[in-house]
Amino acid sequence: MEETKHEAWNTSYPKAQPENKKIIAGILAIVLGGLGIHKFILGYTQEGIIQLLIGLCGIGSIIGLIEGIIYLTKSDEEFYQTYQVGKRGWF
């Protein structure tokens, strides 16, 4: 009987889970929502700049608070599919 050798380069490993930024984006949206930092974390540069500009008027903090609550109440998979795969920029 031939003994099977496992070589590191030929071994398949389970795929790593995609990075889910739900918690950090949610907390930043609630705490610093007016600055739009949560948008930059998710890769939404244009939306982040808009959030920053309206944050200077005071409305951005309310939007950030609402978005933070929405982010944190979604399941991990739903958040990932909606905001990281689907690239939904607002609410």
PDB file of N, CA and C in Angstrom:
ATOM      1  N   MET A   1       0.818  -1.178   0.000  1.00  0.00           N
ATOM      2  CA  MET A   1       0.000   0.000   0.000  1.00  0.00           C
ATOM      3  C   MET A   1       0.870   1.254   0.000  1.00  0.00           C
ATOM      4  N   GLU A   2       0.498   2.170  -0.849  1.00  0.00           N
ATOM      5  CA  GLU A   2       1.277   3.385  -0.972  1.00  0.00           C
ATOM      6  C   GLU A   2       0.771   4.441   0.004  1.00  0.00           C
ATOM      7  N   GLU A   3       1.667   5.057   0.714  1.00  0.00           N
ATOM      8  CA  GLU A   3       1.305   6.078   1.695  1.00  0.00           C
ATOM      9  C   GLU A   3       1.149   7.429   0.979  1.00  0.00           C
ATOM     10  N   THR A   4       0.072   8.133   1.276  1.00  0.00           N
ATOM     11  CA  THR A   4      -0.202   9.420   0.638  1.00  0.00           C
ATOM     12  C   THR A   4       0.490  10.530   1.402  1.00  0.00           C
ATOM     13  N   LYS A   5       1.231  11.349   0.669  1.00  0.00           N
ATOM     14  CA  LYS A   5       1.900  12.495   1.275  1.00  0.00           C
ATOM     15  C   LYS A   5       1.100  13.740   0.943  1.00  0.00           C
ATOM     16  N   HIS A   6       0.950  14.601   1.920  1.00  0.00           N
ATOM     17  CA  HIS A   6       0.269  15.867   1.710  1.00  0.00           C
ATOM     18  C   HIS A   6       1.312  16.958   1.571  1.00  0.00           C
ATOM     19  N   GLU A   7       1.289  17.600   0.446  1.00  0.00           N
ATOM     20  CA  GLU A   7       2.220  18.690   0.206  1.00  0.00           C
ATOM     21  C   GLU A   7       1.485  20.009   0.387  1.00  0.00           C
ATOM     22  N   ALA A   8       2.151  20.948   1.005  1.00  0.00           N
ATOM     23  CA  ALA A   8       1.513  22.216   1.333  1.00  0.00           C
ATOM     24  C   ALA A   8       0.990  22.949   0.096  1.00  0.00           C
ATOM     25  N   TRP A   9       1.718  22.909  -0.998  1.00  0.00           N
ATOM     26  CA  TRP A   9       1.290  23.632  -2.199  1.00  0.00           C
ATOM     27  C   TRP A   9       0.111  22.964  -2.885  1.00  0.00           C
ATOM     28  N   ASN A  10      -0.145  21.716  -2.552  1.00  0.00           N
ATOM     29  CA  ASN A  10      -1.187  20.955  -3.226  1.00  0.00           C
ATOM     30  C   ASN A  10      -2.397  20.712  -2.323  1.00  0.00           C
ATOM     31  N   THR A  11      -2.436  21.347  -1.201  1.00  0.00           N
ATOM     32  CA  THR A  11      -3.520  21.145  -0.254  1.00  0.00           C
ATOM     33  C   THR A  11      -4.529  22.277  -0.399  1.00  0.00           C
ATOM     34  N   SER A  12      -5.799  21.915  -0.494  1.00  0.00           N
ATOM     35  CA  SER A  12      -6.812  22.963  -0.581  1.00  0.00           C
ATOM     36  C   SER A  12      -7.303  23.297   0.823  1.00  0.00           C
ATOM     37  N   TYR A  13      -7.422  24.553   1.074  1.00  0.00           N
ATOM     38  CA  TYR A  13      -7.895  25.049   2.349  1.00  0.00           C
ATOM     39  C   TYR A  13      -9.252  25.700   2.124  1.00  0.00           C
ATOM     40  N   PRO A  14     -10.093  25.733   3.143  1.00  0.00           N
ATOM     41  CA  PRO A  14     -11.372  26.415   2.971  1.00  0.00           C
ATOM     42  C   PRO A  14     -11.133  27.893   2.663  1.00  0.00           C
ATOM     43  N   LYS A  15     -11.978  28.452   1.810  1.00  0.00           N
ATOM     44  CA  LYS A  15     -11.839  29.859   1.446  1.00  0.00           C
ATOM     45  C   LYS A  15     -12.109  30.730   2.666  1.00  0.00           C
ATOM     46  N   ALA A  16     -11.346  31.797   2.756  1.00  0.00           N
ATOM     47  CA  ALA A  16     -11.521  32.735   3.869  1.00  0.00           C
ATOM     48  C   ALA A  16     -12.842  33.479   3.708  1.00  0.00           C
ATOM     49  N   GLN A  17     -13.444  33.800   4.807  1.00  0.00           N
ATOM     50  CA  GLN A  17     -14.681  34.576   4.789  1.00  0.00           C
ATOM     51  C   GLN A  17     -14.378  35.985   4.293  1.00  0.00           C
ATOM     52  N   PRO A  18     -15.246  36.564   3.492  1.00  0.00           N
ATOM     53  CA  PRO A  18     -15.013  37.940   3.062  1.00  0.00           C
ATOM     54  C   PRO A  18     -15.081  38.887   4.263  1.00  0.00           C
ATOM     55  N   GLU A  19     -14.329  39.943   4.186  1.00  0.00           N
ATOM     56  CA  GLU A  19     -14.287  40.897   5.294  1.00  0.00           C
ATOM     57  C   GLU A  19     -15.621  41.621   5.393  1.00  0.00           C
ATOM     58  N   ASN A  20     -16.212  41.562   6.559  1.00  0.00           N
ATOM     59  CA  ASN A  20     -17.484  42.235   6.787  1.00  0.00           C
ATOM     60  C   ASN A  20     -17.218  43.442   7.675  1.00  0.00           C
ATOM     61  N   LYS A  21     -17.557  44.606   7.179  1.00  0.00           N
ATOM     62  CA  LYS A  21     -17.260  45.855   7.873  1.00  0.00           C
ATOM     63  C   LYS A  21     -18.466  46.410   8.608  1.00  0.00           C
ATOM     64  N   LYS A  22     -19.425  45.559   8.910  1.00  0.00           N
ATOM     65  CA  LYS A  22     -20.686  45.992   9.501  1.00  0.00           C
ATOM     66  C   LYS A  22     -20.509  46.703  10.837  1.00  0.00           C
ATOM     67  N   ILE A  23     -19.814  46.098  11.771  1.00  0.00           N
ATOM     68  CA  ILE A  23     -19.684  46.648  13.125  1.00  0.00           C
ATOM     69  C   ILE A  23     -18.951  47.987  13.105  1.00  0.00           C
ATOM     70  N   ILE A  24     -17.809  48.038  12.444  1.00  0.00           N
ATOM     71  CA  ILE A  24     -17.026  49.279  12.433  1.00  0.00           C
ATOM     72  C   ILE A  24     -17.780  50.387  11.707  1.00  0.00           C
ATOM     73  N   ALA A  25     -18.433  50.068  10.587  1.00  0.00           N
ATOM     74  CA  ALA A  25     -19.198  51.081   9.848  1.00  0.00           C
ATOM     75  C   ALA A  25     -20.397  51.555  10.669  1.00  0.00           C
ATOM     76  N   GLY A  26     -21.068  50.641  11.347  1.00  0.00           N
ATOM     77  CA  GLY A  26     -22.223  51.004  12.159  1.00  0.00           C
ATOM     78  C   GLY A  26     -21.867  51.906  13.325  1.00  0.00           C
ATOM     79  N   ILE A  27     -20.811  51.555  14.021  1.00  0.00           N
ATOM     80  CA  ILE A  27     -20.388  52.365  15.174  1.00  0.00           C
ATOM     81  C   ILE A  27     -19.900  53.744  14.721  1.00  0.00           C
ATOM     82  N   LEU A  28     -19.101  53.777  13.655  1.00  0.00           N
ATOM     83  CA  LEU A  28     -18.629  55.069  13.156  1.00  0.00           C
ATOM     84  C   LEU A  28     -19.774  55.933  12.646  1.00  0.00           C
ATOM     85  N   ALA A  29     -20.779  55.307  12.036  1.00  0.00           N
ATOM     86  CA  ALA A  29     -21.934  56.071  11.548  1.00  0.00           C
ATOM     87  C   ALA A  29     -22.684  56.714  12.707  1.00  0.00           C
ATOM     88  N   ILE A  30     -22.830  55.982  13.807  1.00  0.00           N
ATOM     89  CA  ILE A  30     -23.552  56.526  14.966  1.00  0.00           C
ATOM     90  C   ILE A  30     -22.736  57.604  15.668  1.00  0.00           C
ATOM     91  N   VAL A  31     -21.454  57.355  15.869  1.00  0.00           N
ATOM     92  CA  VAL A  31     -20.613  58.272  16.640  1.00  0.00           C
ATOM     93  C   VAL A  31     -20.148  59.479  15.817  1.00  0.00           C
ATOM     94  N   LEU A  32     -19.680  59.221  14.600  1.00  0.00           N
ATOM     95  CA  LEU A  32     -19.115  60.294  13.772  1.00  0.00           C
ATOM     96  C   LEU A  32     -19.834  60.407  12.431  1.00  0.00           C
ATOM     97  N   GLY A  33     -21.134  60.184  12.434  1.00  0.00           N
ATOM     98  CA  GLY A  33     -21.910  60.148  11.197  1.00  0.00           C
ATOM     99  C   GLY A  33     -21.828  61.400  10.358  1.00  0.00           C
ATOM    100  N   GLY A  34     -21.742  62.533  10.984  1.00  0.00           N
ATOM    101  CA  GLY A  34     -21.681  63.784  10.248  1.00  0.00           C
ATOM    102  C   GLY A  34     -20.426  63.944   9.412  1.00  0.00           C
ATOM    103  N   LEU A  35     -19.380  63.225   9.769  1.00  0.00           N
ATOM    104  CA  LEU A  35     -18.122  63.311   9.026  1.00  0.00           C
ATOM    105  C   LEU A  35     -18.060  62.338   7.858  1.00  0.00           C
ATOM    106  N   GLY A  36     -18.978  61.385   7.810  1.00  0.00           N
ATOM    107  CA  GLY A  36     -19.027  60.436   6.696  1.00  0.00           C
ATOM    108  C   GLY A  36     -17.931  59.392   6.694  1.00  0.00           C
ATOM    109  N   ILE A  37     -17.271  59.199   7.819  1.00  0.00           N
ATOM    110  CA  ILE A  37     -16.162  58.240   7.884  1.00  0.00           C
ATOM    111  C   ILE A  37     -16.636  56.829   7.546  1.00  0.00           C
ATOM    112  N   HIS A  38     -17.847  56.482   7.959  1.00  0.00           N
ATOM    113  CA  HIS A  38     -18.369  55.146   7.665  1.00  0.00           C
ATOM    114  C   HIS A  38     -18.494  54.909   6.167  1.00  0.00           C
ATOM    115  N   LYS A  39     -18.745  55.953   5.400  1.00  0.00           N
ATOM    116  CA  LYS A  39     -18.825  55.836   3.941  1.00  0.00           C
ATOM    117  C   LYS A  39     -17.444  55.511   3.364  1.00  0.00           C
ATOM    118  N   PHE A  40     -16.418  56.184   3.882  1.00  0.00           N
ATOM    119  CA  PHE A  40     -15.065  55.922   3.402  1.00  0.00           C
ATOM    120  C   PHE A  40     -14.621  54.499   3.757  1.00  0.00           C
ATOM    121  N   ILE A  41     -15.006  54.012   4.939  1.00  0.00           N
ATOM    122  CA  ILE A  41     -14.669  52.647   5.359  1.00  0.00           C
ATOM    123  C   ILE A  41     -15.255  51.629   4.378  1.00  0.00           C
ATOM    124  N   LEU A  42     -16.470  51.895   3.902  1.00  0.00           N
ATOM    125  CA  LEU A  42     -17.136  50.983   2.970  1.00  0.00           C
ATOM    126  C   LEU A  42     -16.680  51.181   1.525  1.00  0.00           C
ATOM    127  N   GLY A  43     -15.844  52.179   1.283  1.00  0.00           N
ATOM    128  CA  GLY A  43     -15.321  52.409  -0.054  1.00  0.00           C
ATOM    129  C   GLY A  43     -16.161  53.355  -0.899  1.00  0.00           C
ATOM    130  N   TYR A  44     -17.037  54.101  -0.278  1.00  0.00           N
ATOM    131  CA  TYR A  44     -17.890  55.055  -0.990  1.00  0.00           C
ATOM    132  C   TYR A  44     -17.299  56.455  -0.862  1.00  0.00           C
ATOM    133  N   THR A  45     -16.326  56.766  -1.677  1.00  0.00           N
ATOM    134  CA  THR A  45     -15.637  58.050  -1.570  1.00  0.00           C
ATOM    135  C   THR A  45     -16.560  59.223  -1.899  1.00  0.00           C
ATOM    136  N   GLN A  46     -17.284  59.130  -2.995  1.00  0.00           N
ATOM    137  CA  GLN A  46     -18.171  60.226  -3.396  1.00  0.00           C
ATOM    138  C   GLN A  46     -19.245  60.482  -2.336  1.00  0.00           C
ATOM    139  N   GLU A  47     -19.865  59.400  -1.844  1.00  0.00           N
ATOM    140  CA  GLU A  47     -20.887  59.543  -0.817  1.00  0.00           C
ATOM    141  C   GLU A  47     -20.294  60.091   0.481  1.00  0.00           C
ATOM    142  N   GLY A  48     -19.054  59.698   0.788  1.00  0.00           N
ATOM    143  CA  GLY A  48     -18.377  60.195   1.979  1.00  0.00           C
ATOM    144  C   GLY A  48     -18.141  61.698   1.929  1.00  0.00           C
ATOM    145  N   ILE A  49     -17.753  62.187   0.762  1.00  0.00           N
ATOM    146  CA  ILE A  49     -17.541  63.623   0.600  1.00  0.00           C
ATOM    147  C   ILE A  49     -18.866  64.375   0.729  1.00  0.00           C
ATOM    148  N   ILE A  50     -19.922  63.837   0.120  1.00  0.00           N
ATOM    149  CA  ILE A  50     -21.247  64.461   0.233  1.00  0.00           C
ATOM    150  C   ILE A  50     -21.688  64.482   1.695  1.00  0.00           C
ATOM    151  N   GLN A  51     -21.506  63.369   2.392  1.00  0.00           N
ATOM    152  CA  GLN A  51     -21.879  63.282   3.807  1.00  0.00           C
ATOM    153  C   GLN A  51     -21.104  64.292   4.637  1.00  0.00           C
ATOM    154  N   LEU A  52     -19.837  64.453   4.326  1.00  0.00           N
ATOM    155  CA  LEU A  52     -19.008  65.431   5.039  1.00  0.00           C
ATOM    156  C   LEU A  52     -19.515  66.848   4.803  1.00  0.00           C
ATOM    157  N   LEU A  53     -19.864  67.170   3.568  1.00  0.00           N
ATOM    158  CA  LEU A  53     -20.347  68.517   3.259  1.00  0.00           C
ATOM    159  C   LEU A  53     -21.690  68.814   3.922  1.00  0.00           C
ATOM    160  N   ILE A  54     -22.622  67.846   3.901  1.00  0.00           N
ATOM    161  CA  ILE A  54     -23.912  68.093   4.552  1.00  0.00           C
ATOM    162  C   ILE A  54     -23.786  67.961   6.065  1.00  0.00           C
ATOM    163  N   GLY A  55     -22.732  67.287   6.508  1.00  0.00           N
ATOM    164  CA  GLY A  55     -22.475  67.185   7.943  1.00  0.00           C
ATOM    165  C   GLY A  55     -22.092  68.525   8.536  1.00  0.00           C
ATOM    166  N   LEU A  56     -21.472  69.348   7.728  1.00  0.00           N
ATOM    167  CA  LEU A  56     -21.100  70.680   8.190  1.00  0.00           C
ATOM    168  C   LEU A  56     -22.337  71.546   8.427  1.00  0.00           C
ATOM    169  N   CYS A  57     -23.451  71.178   7.783  1.00  0.00           N
ATOM    170  CA  CYS A  57     -24.711  71.903   7.978  1.00  0.00           C
ATOM    171  C   CYS A  57     -25.505  71.356   9.166  1.00  0.00           C
ATOM    172  N   GLY A  58     -25.114  70.188   9.678  1.00  0.00           N
ATOM    173  CA  GLY A  58     -25.798  69.611  10.822  1.00  0.00           C
ATOM    174  C   GLY A  58     -26.724  68.451  10.488  1.00  0.00           C
ATOM    175  N   ILE A  59     -27.142  68.343   9.247  1.00  0.00           N
ATOM    176  CA  ILE A  59     -28.067  67.275   8.851  1.00  0.00           C
ATOM    177  C   ILE A  59     -27.347  65.932   8.753  1.00  0.00           C
ATOM    178  N   GLY A  60     -26.060  65.948   8.437  1.00  0.00           N
ATOM    179  CA  GLY A  60     -25.297  64.720   8.248  1.00  0.00           C
ATOM    180  C   GLY A  60     -25.260  63.815   9.462  1.00  0.00           C
ATOM    181  N   SER A  61     -25.296  64.401  10.650  1.00  0.00           N
ATOM    182  CA  SER A  61     -25.270  63.589  11.873  1.00  0.00           C
ATOM    183  C   SER A  61     -26.532  62.759  12.018  1.00  0.00           C
ATOM    184  N   ILE A  62     -27.659  63.322  11.636  1.00  0.00           N
ATOM    185  CA  ILE A  62     -28.926  62.587  11.710  1.00  0.00           C
ATOM    186  C   ILE A  62     -28.918  61.440  10.707  1.00  0.00           C
ATOM    187  N   ILE A  63     -28.434  61.708   9.496  1.00  0.00           N
ATOM    188  CA  ILE A  63     -28.343  60.669   8.470  1.00  0.00           C
ATOM    189  C   ILE A  63     -27.405  59.564   8.939  1.00  0.00           C
ATOM    190  N   GLY A  64     -26.262  59.945   9.521  1.00  0.00           N
ATOM    191  CA  GLY A  64     -25.309  58.961  10.031  1.00  0.00           C
ATOM    192  C   GLY A  64     -25.904  58.095  11.126  1.00  0.00           C
ATOM    193  N   LEU A  65     -26.663  58.704  12.028  1.00  0.00           N
ATOM    194  CA  LEU A  65     -27.312  57.953  13.103  1.00  0.00           C
ATOM    195  C   LEU A  65     -28.289  56.927  12.529  1.00  0.00           C
ATOM    196  N   ILE A  66     -29.096  57.354  11.581  1.00  0.00           N
ATOM    197  CA  ILE A  66     -30.066  56.435  10.956  1.00  0.00           C
ATOM    198  C   ILE A  66     -29.338  55.309  10.232  1.00  0.00           C
ATOM    199  N   GLU A  67     -28.300  55.645   9.471  1.00  0.00           N
ATOM    200  CA  GLU A  67     -27.554  54.613   8.746  1.00  0.00           C
ATOM    201  C   GLU A  67     -26.869  53.647   9.702  1.00  0.00           C
ATOM    202  N   GLY A  68     -26.309  54.152  10.794  1.00  0.00           N
ATOM    203  CA  GLY A  68     -25.658  53.278  11.764  1.00  0.00           C
ATOM    204  C   GLY A  68     -26.621  52.274  12.358  1.00  0.00           C
ATOM    205  N   ILE A  69     -27.819  52.713  12.686  1.00  0.00           N
ATOM    206  CA  ILE A  69     -28.834  51.800  13.220  1.00  0.00           C
ATOM    207  C   ILE A  69     -29.226  50.765  12.179  1.00  0.00           C
ATOM    208  N   ILE A  70     -29.392  51.203  10.935  1.00  0.00           N
ATOM    209  CA  ILE A  70     -29.736  50.263   9.852  1.00  0.00           C
ATOM    210  C   ILE A  70     -28.621  49.235   9.668  1.00  0.00           C
ATOM    211  N   TYR A  71     -27.382  49.690   9.646  1.00  0.00           N
ATOM    212  CA  TYR A  71     -26.241  48.771   9.470  1.00  0.00           C
ATOM    213  C   TYR A  71     -26.224  47.705  10.567  1.00  0.00           C
ATOM    214  N   LEU A  72     -26.383  48.140  11.804  1.00  0.00           N
ATOM    215  CA  LEU A  72     -26.241  47.215  12.929  1.00  0.00           C
ATOM    216  C   LEU A  72     -27.437  46.278  13.102  1.00  0.00           C
ATOM    217  N   THR A  73     -28.587  46.618  12.529  1.00  0.00           N
ATOM    218  CA  THR A  73     -29.749  45.743  12.662  1.00  0.00           C
ATOM    219  C   THR A  73     -29.846  44.721  11.529  1.00  0.00           C
ATOM    220  N   LYS A  74     -29.052  44.866  10.489  1.00  0.00           N
ATOM    221  CA  LYS A  74     -29.046  43.881   9.405  1.00  0.00           C
ATOM    222  C   LYS A  74     -28.204  42.675   9.816  1.00  0.00           C
ATOM    223  N   SER A  75     -28.527  41.512   9.243  1.00  0.00           N
ATOM    224  CA  SER A  75     -27.684  40.345   9.485  1.00  0.00           C
ATOM    225  C   SER A  75     -26.350  40.566   8.773  1.00  0.00           C
ATOM    226  N   ASP A  76     -25.331  39.834   9.185  1.00  0.00           N
ATOM    227  CA  ASP A  76     -24.011  39.978   8.570  1.00  0.00           C
ATOM    228  C   ASP A  76     -24.079  39.740   7.066  1.00  0.00           C
ATOM    229  N   GLU A  77     -24.751  38.691   6.651  1.00  0.00           N
ATOM    230  CA  GLU A  77     -24.848  38.346   5.234  1.00  0.00           C
ATOM    231  C   GLU A  77     -25.627  39.411   4.458  1.00  0.00           C
ATOM    232  N   GLU A  78     -26.722  39.880   5.033  1.00  0.00           N
ATOM    233  CA  GLU A  78     -27.530  40.899   4.362  1.00  0.00           C
ATOM    234  C   GLU A  78     -26.739  42.203   4.215  1.00  0.00           C
ATOM    235  N   PHE A  79     -26.016  42.596   5.258  1.00  0.00           N
ATOM    236  CA  PHE A  79     -25.183  43.794   5.192  1.00  0.00           C
ATOM    237  C   PHE A  79     -24.121  43.647   4.111  1.00  0.00           C
ATOM    238  N   TYR A  80     -23.435  42.508   4.124  1.00  0.00           N
ATOM    239  CA  TYR A  80     -22.365  42.264   3.153  1.00  0.00           C
ATOM    240  C   TYR A  80     -22.901  42.327   1.719  1.00  0.00           C
ATOM    241  N   GLN A  81     -24.016  41.649   1.472  1.00  0.00           N
ATOM    242  CA  GLN A  81     -24.586  41.631   0.124  1.00  0.00           C
ATOM    243  C   GLN A  81     -25.090  43.015  -0.303  1.00  0.00           C
ATOM    244  N   THR A  82     -25.678  43.751   0.609  1.00  0.00           N
ATOM    245  CA  THR A  82     -26.254  45.055   0.267  1.00  0.00           C
ATOM    246  C   THR A  82     -25.205  46.137   0.088  1.00  0.00           C
ATOM    247  N   TYR A  83     -24.290  46.267   1.040  1.00  0.00           N
ATOM    248  CA  TYR A  83     -23.395  47.418   1.050  1.00  0.00           C
ATOM    249  C   TYR A  83     -21.989  47.141   0.532  1.00  0.00           C
ATOM    250  N   GLN A  84     -21.542  45.905   0.561  1.00  0.00           N
ATOM    251  CA  GLN A  84     -20.196  45.612   0.089  1.00  0.00           C
ATOM    252  C   GLN A  84     -20.215  44.961  -1.297  1.00  0.00           C
ATOM    253  N   VAL A  85     -21.162  44.113  -1.576  1.00  0.00           N
ATOM    254  CA  VAL A  85     -21.262  43.506  -2.901  1.00  0.00           C
ATOM    255  C   VAL A  85     -22.117  44.377  -3.815  1.00  0.00           C
ATOM    256  N   GLY A  86     -23.300  44.755  -3.338  1.00  0.00           N
ATOM    257  CA  GLY A  86     -24.234  45.539  -4.131  1.00  0.00           C
ATOM    258  C   GLY A  86     -23.893  47.013  -4.230  1.00  0.00           C
ATOM    259  N   LYS A  87     -22.975  47.492  -3.387  1.00  0.00           N
ATOM    260  CA  LYS A  87     -22.525  48.882  -3.384  1.00  0.00           C
ATOM    261  C   LYS A  87     -23.677  49.889  -3.284  1.00  0.00           C
ATOM    262  N   ARG A  88     -24.598  49.630  -2.383  1.00  0.00           N
ATOM    263  CA  ARG A  88     -25.694  50.572  -2.146  1.00  0.00           C
ATOM    264  C   ARG A  88     -25.174  51.691  -1.259  1.00  0.00           C
ATOM    265  N   GLY A  89     -25.118  52.901  -1.795  1.00  0.00           N
ATOM    266  CA  GLY A  89     -24.464  54.023  -1.116  1.00  0.00           C
ATOM    267  C   GLY A  89     -25.265  54.690  -0.021  1.00  0.00           C
ATOM    268  N   TRP A  90     -26.574  54.684  -0.120  1.00  0.00           N
ATOM    269  CA  TRP A  90     -27.396  55.407   0.852  1.00  0.00           C
ATOM    270  C   TRP A  90     -28.480  54.499   1.411  1.00  0.00           C
ATOM    271  N   PHE A  91     -28.712  54.610   2.686  1.00  0.00           N
ATOM    272  CA  PHE A  91     -29.733  53.867   3.430  1.00  0.00           C
ATOM    273  C   PHE A  91     -29.837  52.478   2.885  1.00  0.00           C
TER     274      PHE A  91
END
